[in-house]
């Protein structure tokens, strides 16, 4: 009788140990399955984010290329005038207006170019444009002849989605006033303004009293010259508008 009891007790112990082993194995398998599921989800989420980031980056690049092409158009040609209220019009105003948009403003000026909503809100981001300018004029005399108004324009395109910047491009331009963007005049003995024009055969020279005077000479002498024995002080002023700007693309960085 004692022998049967011992056999049953041992059998119960073995059954309990086997159940414990099975439970432990099932727990390990469950943990492994959950780990694989979590890893799969993370991989899918990463791929999905990378796909969206690629869309946002392409959006930023496409916008940048279109804006670049529109900025560097030759404004003197028919059909290339600025559209009123356009982004380009504001950018040209930004370049020209050194009083309201100073070189010292390190934060720059930001404008919103697009505001995506509705059915496209989950496909494309909002585009912001940040503008900064840096002076590269080295002459510190600030005279109307010595200040050549040469500058860099930094254009940063940001694509934002869900309150975060998802893609960025940055372009650099150099710009300056071209020769045709200046008016020239002197004051006669009555202090009346007499306009002076460039020679139609040579745009590097002004015609004063029917005589050619080199613009480089005038610049060196800050507008002073003598023609036919008479002294003149020629003034140079910049025209308003955009036709005289020369804007060159320096690249992405």
C-alpha atoms as a PDB file:
ATOM      1  CA  UNK A   1       0.000   0.000   0.000  1.00  0.00           C
ATOM      2  CA  UNK A   2       2.858   2.354   0.852  1.00  0.00           C
ATOM      3  CA  UNK A   3       4.530   1.487  -2.412  1.00  0.00           C
ATOM      4  CA  UNK A   4       1.399   2.488  -4.406  1.00  0.00           C
ATOM      5  CA  UNK A   5       1.189   5.788  -2.558  1.00  0.00           C
ATOM      6  CA  UNK A   6       4.815   6.558  -3.327  1.00  0.00           C
ATOM      7  CA  UNK A   7       4.308   5.749  -7.001  1.00  0.00           C
ATOM      8  CA  UNK A   8       1.239   8.016  -7.195  1.00  0.00           C
ATOM      9  CA  UNK A   9       3.065  10.812  -5.355  1.00  0.00           C
ATOM     10  CA  UNK A  10       6.026  10.599  -7.713  1.00  0.00           C
ATOM     11  CA  UNK A  11       3.690  10.552 -10.720  1.00  0.00           C
ATOM     12  CA  UNK A  12       1.901  13.692  -9.465  1.00  0.00           C
ATOM     13  CA  UNK A  13       5.258  15.439  -8.957  1.00  0.00           C
ATOM     14  CA  UNK A  14       6.344  14.516 -12.465  1.00  0.00           C
ATOM     15  CA  UNK A  15       3.027  15.768 -13.917  1.00  0.00           C
ATOM     16  CA  UNK A  16       3.409  19.083 -12.036  1.00  0.00           C
ATOM     17  CA  UNK A  17       6.989  19.533 -13.227  1.00  0.00           C
ATOM     18  CA  UNK A  18       5.973  18.777 -16.823  1.00  0.00           C
ATOM     19  CA  UNK A  19       3.140  21.318 -16.587  1.00  0.00           C
ATOM     20  CA  UNK A  20       5.586  23.894 -15.231  1.00  0.00           C
ATOM     21  CA  UNK A  21       8.009  23.263 -18.087  1.00  0.00           C
ATOM     22  CA  UNK A  22       5.224  23.559 -20.670  1.00  0.00           C
ATOM     23  CA  UNK A  23       4.038  26.835 -19.096  1.00  0.00           C
ATOM     24  CA  UNK A  24       7.556  28.268 -19.191  1.00  0.00           C
ATOM     25  CA  UNK A  25       8.040  27.256 -22.823  1.00  0.00           C
ATOM     26  CA  UNK A  26       4.700  28.810 -23.820  1.00  0.00           C
ATOM     27  CA  UNK A  27       5.653  32.033 -22.017  1.00  0.00           C
ATOM     28  CA  UNK A  28       8.974  32.181 -23.889  1.00  0.00           C
ATOM     29  CA  UNK A  29       7.236  31.568 -27.220  1.00  0.00           C
ATOM     30  CA  UNK A  30       4.674  34.283 -26.446  1.00  0.00           C
ATOM     31  CA  UNK A  31       7.444  36.761 -25.597  1.00  0.00           C
ATOM     32  CA  UNK A  32       9.268  35.923 -28.840  1.00  0.00           C
ATOM     33  CA  UNK A  33       6.088  36.394 -30.865  1.00  0.00           C
ATOM     34  CA  UNK A  34       5.409  39.767 -29.244  1.00  0.00           C
ATOM     35  CA  UNK A  35       9.005  40.830 -29.863  1.00  0.00           C
ATOM     36  CA  UNK A  36       8.737  39.890 -33.540  1.00  0.00           C
ATOM     37  CA  UNK A  37       5.427  41.717 -33.819  1.00  0.00           C
ATOM     38  CA  UNK A  38       6.891  44.852 -32.218  1.00  0.00           C
ATOM     39  CA  UNK A  39       9.961  44.719 -34.464  1.00  0.00           C
ATOM     40  CA  UNK A  40       7.755  44.339 -37.532  1.00  0.00           C
ATOM     41  CA  UNK A  41       5.644  47.331 -36.516  1.00  0.00           C
ATOM     42  CA  UNK A  42       8.711  49.466 -35.892  1.00  0.00           C
ATOM     43  CA  UNK A  43      10.155  48.471 -39.258  1.00  0.00           C
ATOM     44  CA  UNK A  44       6.896  49.310 -41.010  1.00  0.00           C
ATOM     45  CA  UNK A  45       6.638  52.653 -39.219  1.00  0.00           C
ATOM     46  CA  UNK A  46      10.233  53.517 -40.149  1.00  0.00           C
ATOM     47  CA  UNK A  47       9.684  52.656 -43.810  1.00  0.00           C
ATOM     48  CA  UNK A  48       6.465  54.646 -43.809  1.00  0.00           C
ATOM     49  CA  UNK A  49       8.218  57.695 -42.285  1.00  0.00           C
ATOM     50  CA  UNK A  50      11.075  57.420 -44.777  1.00  0.00           C
ATOM     51  CA  UNK A  51       8.561  57.353 -47.595  1.00  0.00           C
ATOM     52  CA  UNK A  52       6.841  60.481 -46.320  1.00  0.00           C
ATOM     53  CA  UNK A  53      10.170  62.240 -45.760  1.00  0.00           C
ATOM     54  CA  UNK A  54      11.062  61.494 -49.383  1.00  0.00           C
ATOM     55  CA  UNK A  55       7.764  63.056 -50.505  1.00  0.00           C
ATOM     56  CA  UNK A  56       8.406  66.162 -48.409  1.00  0.00           C
ATOM     57  CA  UNK A  57      11.981  66.449 -49.700  1.00  0.00           C
ATOM     58  CA  UNK A  58      10.819  66.199 -53.301  1.00  0.00           C
ATOM     59  CA  UNK A  59       8.203  68.824 -52.566  1.00  0.00           C
ATOM     60  CA  UNK A  60      10.893  71.160 -51.185  1.00  0.00           C
ATOM     61  CA  UNK A  61      13.212  70.550 -54.156  1.00  0.00           C
ATOM     62  CA  UNK A  62      10.464  70.998 -56.751  1.00  0.00           C
ATOM     63  CA  UNK A  63       9.353  74.267 -55.178  1.00  0.00           C
ATOM     64  CA  UNK A  64      12.967  75.466 -54.940  1.00  0.00           C
ATOM     65  CA  UNK A  65      13.664  74.734 -58.600  1.00  0.00           C
ATOM     66  CA  UNK A  66      10.530  76.552 -59.750  1.00  0.00           C
ATOM     67  CA  UNK A  67      11.275  79.550 -57.532  1.00  0.00           C
ATOM     68  CA  UNK A  68      14.897  79.670 -58.702  1.00  0.00           C
ATOM     69  CA  UNK A  69      13.860  79.669 -62.362  1.00  0.00           C
ATOM     70  CA  UNK A  70      11.383  82.480 -61.765  1.00  0.00           C
ATOM     71  CA  UNK A  71      13.861  84.593 -59.797  1.00  0.00           C
ATOM     72  CA  UNK A  72      16.711  84.506 -62.311  1.00  0.00           C
ATOM     73  CA  UNK A  73      14.597  85.423 -65.338  1.00  0.00           C
ATOM     74  CA  UNK A  74      15.823  88.370 -67.383  1.00  0.00           C
ATOM     75  CA  UNK A  75      13.321  91.017 -66.274  1.00  0.00           C
ATOM     76  CA  UNK A  76      14.161  93.263 -69.222  1.00  0.00           C
ATOM     77  CA  UNK A  77      12.549  90.822 -71.650  1.00  0.00           C
ATOM     78  CA  UNK A  78       8.841  91.085 -72.557  1.00  0.00           C
ATOM     79  CA  UNK A  79       6.647  88.728 -70.561  1.00  0.00           C
ATOM     80  CA  UNK A  80       9.111  88.444 -67.676  1.00  0.00           C
ATOM     81  CA  UNK A  81       7.722  91.211 -65.531  1.00  0.00           C
ATOM     82  CA  UNK A  82       6.865  90.468 -61.929  1.00  0.00           C
ATOM     83  CA  UNK A  83       3.315  89.444 -61.143  1.00  0.00           C
ATOM     84  CA  UNK A  84       1.705  91.700 -58.582  1.00  0.00           C
ATOM     85  CA  UNK A  85       1.411  90.001 -55.210  1.00  0.00           C
ATOM     86  CA  UNK A  86       3.721  87.147 -56.221  1.00  0.00           C
ATOM     87  CA  UNK A  87       6.445  85.615 -54.071  1.00  0.00           C
ATOM     88  CA  UNK A  88       9.073  86.949 -56.481  1.00  0.00           C
ATOM     89  CA  UNK A  89       7.759  90.482 -56.128  1.00  0.00           C
ATOM     90  CA  UNK A  90       8.168  90.290 -52.357  1.00  0.00           C
ATOM     91  CA  UNK A  91      11.685  88.834 -52.697  1.00  0.00           C
ATOM     92  CA  UNK A  92      12.771  91.655 -55.005  1.00  0.00           C
ATOM     93  CA  UNK A  93      11.320  94.178 -52.542  1.00  0.00           C
ATOM     94  CA  UNK A  94      13.221  92.407 -49.776  1.00  0.00           C
ATOM     95  CA  UNK A  95      16.478  92.734 -51.713  1.00  0.00           C
ATOM     96  CA  UNK A  96      15.955  96.379 -52.508  1.00  0.00           C
ATOM     97  CA  UNK A  97      14.631  97.612 -49.155  1.00  0.00           C
ATOM     98  CA  UNK A  98      17.599  97.840 -46.797  1.00  0.00           C
ATOM     99  CA  UNK A  99      15.736 100.018 -44.318  1.00  0.00           C
ATOM    100  CA  UNK A 100      12.965  97.596 -43.384  1.00  0.00           C
ATOM    101  CA  UNK A 101      14.922  94.422 -44.190  1.00  0.00           C
ATOM    102  CA  UNK A 102      18.389  94.964 -42.815  1.00  0.00           C
ATOM    103  CA  UNK A 103      21.550  92.930 -43.292  1.00  0.00           C
ATOM    104  CA  UNK A 104      21.893  92.679 -39.516  1.00  0.00           C
ATOM    105  CA  UNK A 105      18.651  90.719 -39.100  1.00  0.00           C
ATOM    106  CA  UNK A 106      20.090  87.268 -38.497  1.00  0.00           C
ATOM    107  CA  UNK A 107      16.623  85.699 -38.130  1.00  0.00           C
ATOM    108  CA  UNK A 108      15.671  86.801 -41.631  1.00  0.00           C
ATOM    109  CA  UNK A 109      12.162  87.305 -42.976  1.00  0.00           C
ATOM    110  CA  UNK A 110       9.785  84.334 -43.232  1.00  0.00           C
ATOM    111  CA  UNK A 111       6.768  84.194 -45.518  1.00  0.00           C
ATOM    112  CA  UNK A 112       4.239  81.405 -45.952  1.00  0.00           C
ATOM    113  CA  UNK A 113       4.147  80.266 -49.555  1.00  0.00           C
ATOM    114  CA  UNK A 114       1.545  77.494 -49.294  1.00  0.00           C
ATOM    115  CA  UNK A 115      -0.972  76.357 -46.711  1.00  0.00           C
ATOM    116  CA  UNK A 116      -2.177  72.860 -47.528  1.00  0.00           C
ATOM    117  CA  UNK A 117      -5.572  71.770 -46.238  1.00  0.00           C
ATOM    118  CA  UNK A 118      -8.427  69.486 -47.161  1.00  0.00           C
ATOM    119  CA  UNK A 119      -7.799  66.243 -49.022  1.00  0.00           C
ATOM    120  CA  UNK A 120      -4.122  67.050 -49.650  1.00  0.00           C
ATOM    121  CA  UNK A 121      -3.333  67.819 -46.019  1.00  0.00           C
ATOM    122  CA  UNK A 122      -2.035  64.286 -45.389  1.00  0.00           C
ATOM    123  CA  UNK A 123       0.043  64.206 -48.603  1.00  0.00           C
ATOM    124  CA  UNK A 124       1.892  67.508 -48.694  1.00  0.00           C
ATOM    125  CA  UNK A 125       3.295  69.890 -46.136  1.00  0.00           C
ATOM    126  CA  UNK A 126       3.061  73.632 -45.709  1.00  0.00           C
ATOM    127  CA  UNK A 127       5.922  75.551 -47.336  1.00  0.00           C
ATOM    128  CA  UNK A 128       7.634  78.470 -45.619  1.00  0.00           C
ATOM    129  CA  UNK A 129      10.299  80.668 -47.236  1.00  0.00           C
ATOM    130  CA  UNK A 130      12.956  82.332 -45.103  1.00  0.00           C
ATOM    131  CA  UNK A 131      14.980  85.176 -46.638  1.00  0.00           C
ATOM    132  CA  UNK A 132      18.290  86.560 -45.433  1.00  0.00           C
ATOM    133  CA  UNK A 133      20.775  88.865 -47.091  1.00  0.00           C
ATOM    134  CA  UNK A 134      24.451  89.482 -46.521  1.00  0.00           C
ATOM    135  CA  UNK A 135      26.338  92.491 -47.810  1.00  0.00           C
ATOM    136  CA  UNK A 136      29.517  91.776 -49.766  1.00  0.00           C
ATOM    137  CA  UNK A 137      30.250  95.418 -50.561  1.00  0.00           C
ATOM    138  CA  UNK A 138      33.697  96.184 -49.157  1.00  0.00           C
ATOM    139  CA  UNK A 139      33.762  99.968 -49.676  1.00  0.00           C
ATOM    140  CA  UNK A 140      32.870 101.664 -46.396  1.00  0.00           C
ATOM    141  CA  UNK A 141      32.531 105.212 -47.793  1.00  0.00           C
ATOM    142  CA  UNK A 142      28.824 104.693 -48.426  1.00  0.00           C
ATOM    143  CA  UNK A 143      28.985 107.219 -51.232  1.00  0.00           C
ATOM    144  CA  UNK A 144      26.441 106.997 -54.048  1.00  0.00           C
ATOM    145  CA  UNK A 145      29.276 106.045 -56.407  1.00  0.00           C
ATOM    146  CA  UNK A 146      31.384 103.842 -54.161  1.00  0.00           C
ATOM    147  CA  UNK A 147      28.584 101.678 -52.781  1.00  0.00           C
ATOM    148  CA  UNK A 148      27.976  99.118 -55.512  1.00  0.00           C
ATOM    149  CA  UNK A 149      25.144  97.351 -53.711  1.00  0.00           C
ATOM    150  CA  UNK A 150      26.463  93.808 -53.992  1.00  0.00           C
ATOM    151  CA  UNK A 151      24.855  91.225 -51.747  1.00  0.00           C
ATOM    152  CA  UNK A 152      24.139  87.576 -51.138  1.00  0.00           C
ATOM    153  CA  UNK A 153      20.573  86.338 -50.881  1.00  0.00           C
ATOM    154  CA  UNK A 154      19.972  83.188 -48.807  1.00  0.00           C
ATOM    155  CA  UNK A 155      16.650  81.458 -49.501  1.00  0.00           C
ATOM    156  CA  UNK A 156      15.636  78.605 -47.180  1.00  0.00           C
ATOM    157  CA  UNK A 157      12.645  76.452 -48.103  1.00  0.00           C
ATOM    158  CA  UNK A 158      11.027  74.517 -45.261  1.00  0.00           C
ATOM    159  CA  UNK A 159       8.275  71.924 -45.589  1.00  0.00           C
ATOM    160  CA  UNK A 160       6.298  71.538 -42.375  1.00  0.00           C
ATOM    161  CA  UNK A 161       3.864  68.771 -41.440  1.00  0.00           C
ATOM    162  CA  UNK A 162       2.225  68.127 -38.075  1.00  0.00           C
ATOM    163  CA  UNK A 163       4.048  71.131 -36.639  1.00  0.00           C
ATOM    164  CA  UNK A 164       7.498  69.784 -37.530  1.00  0.00           C
ATOM    165  CA  UNK A 165      10.011  70.668 -40.253  1.00  0.00           C
ATOM    166  CA  UNK A 166      10.170  67.554 -42.432  1.00  0.00           C
ATOM    167  CA  UNK A 167      12.403  68.781 -45.280  1.00  0.00           C
ATOM    168  CA  UNK A 168      14.694  71.754 -45.921  1.00  0.00           C
ATOM    169  CA  UNK A 169      16.567  73.183 -48.896  1.00  0.00           C
ATOM    170  CA  UNK A 170      18.803  76.235 -48.887  1.00  0.00           C
ATOM    171  CA  UNK A 171      19.799  78.270 -51.957  1.00  0.00           C
ATOM    172  CA  UNK A 172      22.362  81.020 -52.287  1.00  0.00           C
ATOM    173  CA  UNK A 173      22.233  83.832 -54.849  1.00  0.00           C
ATOM    174  CA  UNK A 174      24.391  86.849 -55.507  1.00  0.00           C
ATOM    175  CA  UNK A 175      22.742  90.030 -56.707  1.00  0.00           C
ATOM    176  CA  UNK A 176      23.716  93.553 -57.573  1.00  0.00           C
ATOM    177  CA  UNK A 177      22.424  96.594 -59.381  1.00  0.00           C
ATOM    178  CA  UNK A 178      23.191  96.348 -63.076  1.00  0.00           C
ATOM    179  CA  UNK A 179      24.353  99.336 -65.063  1.00  0.00           C
ATOM    180  CA  UNK A 180      20.900 100.048 -66.436  1.00  0.00           C
ATOM    181  CA  UNK A 181      19.433 100.336 -62.942  1.00  0.00           C
ATOM    182  CA  UNK A 182      21.045 103.724 -62.304  1.00  0.00           C
ATOM    183  CA  UNK A 183      19.949 107.205 -63.265  1.00  0.00           C
ATOM    184  CA  UNK A 184      22.532 109.971 -63.665  1.00  0.00           C
ATOM    185  CA  UNK A 185      22.140 113.730 -63.374  1.00  0.00           C
ATOM    186  CA  UNK A 186      23.923 116.934 -62.419  1.00  0.00           C
ATOM    187  CA  UNK A 187      22.697 120.297 -61.179  1.00  0.00           C
ATOM    188  CA  UNK A 188      23.178 123.319 -63.419  1.00  0.00           C
ATOM    189  CA  UNK A 189      23.921 126.858 -62.264  1.00  0.00           C
ATOM    190  CA  UNK A 190      20.247 127.309 -61.370  1.00  0.00           C
ATOM    191  CA  UNK A 191      20.235 124.074 -59.326  1.00  0.00           C
ATOM    192  CA  UNK A 192      17.958 122.482 -61.885  1.00  0.00           C
ATOM    193  CA  UNK A 193      18.414 118.767 -62.454  1.00  0.00           C
ATOM    194  CA  UNK A 194      19.877 117.829 -65.821  1.00  0.00           C
ATOM    195  CA  UNK A 195      19.626 114.140 -66.670  1.00  0.00           C
ATOM    196  CA  UNK A 196      22.618 112.381 -68.218  1.00  0.00           C
ATOM    197  CA  UNK A 197      22.394 109.214 -70.292  1.00  0.00           C
ATOM    198  CA  UNK A 198      24.761 106.478 -71.370  1.00  0.00           C
ATOM    199  CA  UNK A 199      26.140 106.509 -74.878  1.00  0.00           C
ATOM    200  CA  UNK A 200      24.000 104.350 -77.176  1.00  0.00           C
ATOM    201  CA  UNK A 201      27.180 102.921 -78.723  1.00  0.00           C
ATOM    202  CA  UNK A 202      29.018 102.308 -75.440  1.00  0.00           C
ATOM    203  CA  UNK A 203      27.078 101.695 -72.207  1.00  0.00           C
ATOM    204  CA  UNK A 204      30.245 102.154 -70.119  1.00  0.00           C
ATOM    205  CA  UNK A 205      30.318 105.872 -70.887  1.00  0.00           C
ATOM    206  CA  UNK A 206      28.035 108.825 -70.194  1.00  0.00           C
ATOM    207  CA  UNK A 207      27.443 111.671 -72.630  1.00  0.00           C
ATOM    208  CA  UNK A 208      28.054 115.024 -70.962  1.00  0.00           C
ATOM    209  CA  UNK A 209      28.010 118.132 -73.162  1.00  0.00           C
ATOM    210  CA  UNK A 210      28.234 115.766 -76.156  1.00  0.00           C
ATOM    211  CA  UNK A 211      31.452 114.278 -74.800  1.00  0.00           C
ATOM    212  CA  UNK A 212      32.035 110.715 -73.596  1.00  0.00           C
ATOM    213  CA  UNK A 213      32.935 110.330 -69.928  1.00  0.00           C
ATOM    214  CA  UNK A 214      33.883 106.906 -68.596  1.00  0.00           C
ATOM    215  CA  UNK A 215      31.735 105.577 -65.769  1.00  0.00           C
ATOM    216  CA  UNK A 216      34.817 104.076 -64.160  1.00  0.00           C
ATOM    217  CA  UNK A 217      36.431 107.532 -64.102  1.00  0.00           C
ATOM    218  CA  UNK A 218      33.334 109.012 -62.530  1.00  0.00           C
ATOM    219  CA  UNK A 219      33.283 106.250 -59.934  1.00  0.00           C
ATOM    220  CA  UNK A 220      36.954 106.805 -59.079  1.00  0.00           C
ATOM    221  CA  UNK A 221      36.324 110.554 -58.714  1.00  0.00           C
ATOM    222  CA  UNK A 222      32.970 110.125 -56.927  1.00  0.00           C
ATOM    223  CA  UNK A 223      31.134 111.785 -59.806  1.00  0.00           C
ATOM    224  CA  UNK A 224      33.467 114.723 -60.405  1.00  0.00           C
ATOM    225  CA  UNK A 225      34.683 115.417 -63.931  1.00  0.00           C
ATOM    226  CA  UNK A 226      35.698 118.262 -66.254  1.00  0.00           C
ATOM    227  CA  UNK A 227      34.255 118.484 -69.761  1.00  0.00           C
ATOM    228  CA  UNK A 228      35.182 121.238 -72.222  1.00  0.00           C
ATOM    229  CA  UNK A 229      36.787 123.171 -69.410  1.00  0.00           C
ATOM    230  CA  UNK A 230      33.684 123.054 -67.202  1.00  0.00           C
ATOM    231  CA  UNK A 231      33.472 121.198 -63.889  1.00  0.00           C
ATOM    232  CA  UNK A 232      30.582 118.811 -63.312  1.00  0.00           C
ATOM    233  CA  UNK A 233      29.460 116.782 -60.316  1.00  0.00           C
ATOM    234  CA  UNK A 234      27.397 113.874 -61.588  1.00  0.00           C
ATOM    235  CA  UNK A 235      25.070 112.062 -59.192  1.00  0.00           C
ATOM    236  CA  UNK A 236      24.119 108.409 -59.489  1.00  0.00           C
ATOM    237  CA  UNK A 237      20.864 107.099 -57.977  1.00  0.00           C
ATOM    238  CA  UNK A 238      19.267 103.667 -58.118  1.00  0.00           C
ATOM    239  CA  UNK A 239      15.991 103.200 -59.912  1.00  0.00           C
ATOM    240  CA  UNK A 240      13.031 101.608 -58.208  1.00  0.00           C
ATOM    241  CA  UNK A 241      11.755  98.273 -59.449  1.00  0.00           C
ATOM    242  CA  UNK A 242      13.427  95.036 -60.377  1.00  0.00           C
ATOM    243  CA  UNK A 243      14.598  95.378 -63.982  1.00  0.00           C
ATOM    244  CA  UNK A 244      18.100  96.454 -63.017  1.00  0.00           C
ATOM    245  CA  UNK A 245      18.895  93.609 -60.656  1.00  0.00           C
ATOM    246  CA  UNK A 246      21.280  90.936 -61.786  1.00  0.00           C
ATOM    247  CA  UNK A 247      20.619  87.797 -59.794  1.00  0.00           C
ATOM    248  CA  UNK A 248      22.875  84.760 -60.121  1.00  0.00           C
ATOM    249  CA  UNK A 249      22.334  81.307 -58.628  1.00  0.00           C
ATOM    250  CA  UNK A 250      25.368  80.082 -56.658  1.00  0.00           C
ATOM    251  CA  UNK A 251      24.035  76.676 -55.652  1.00  0.00           C
ATOM    252  CA  UNK A 252      22.458  74.629 -52.875  1.00  0.00           C
ATOM    253  CA  UNK A 253      24.220  74.197 -49.582  1.00  0.00           C
END
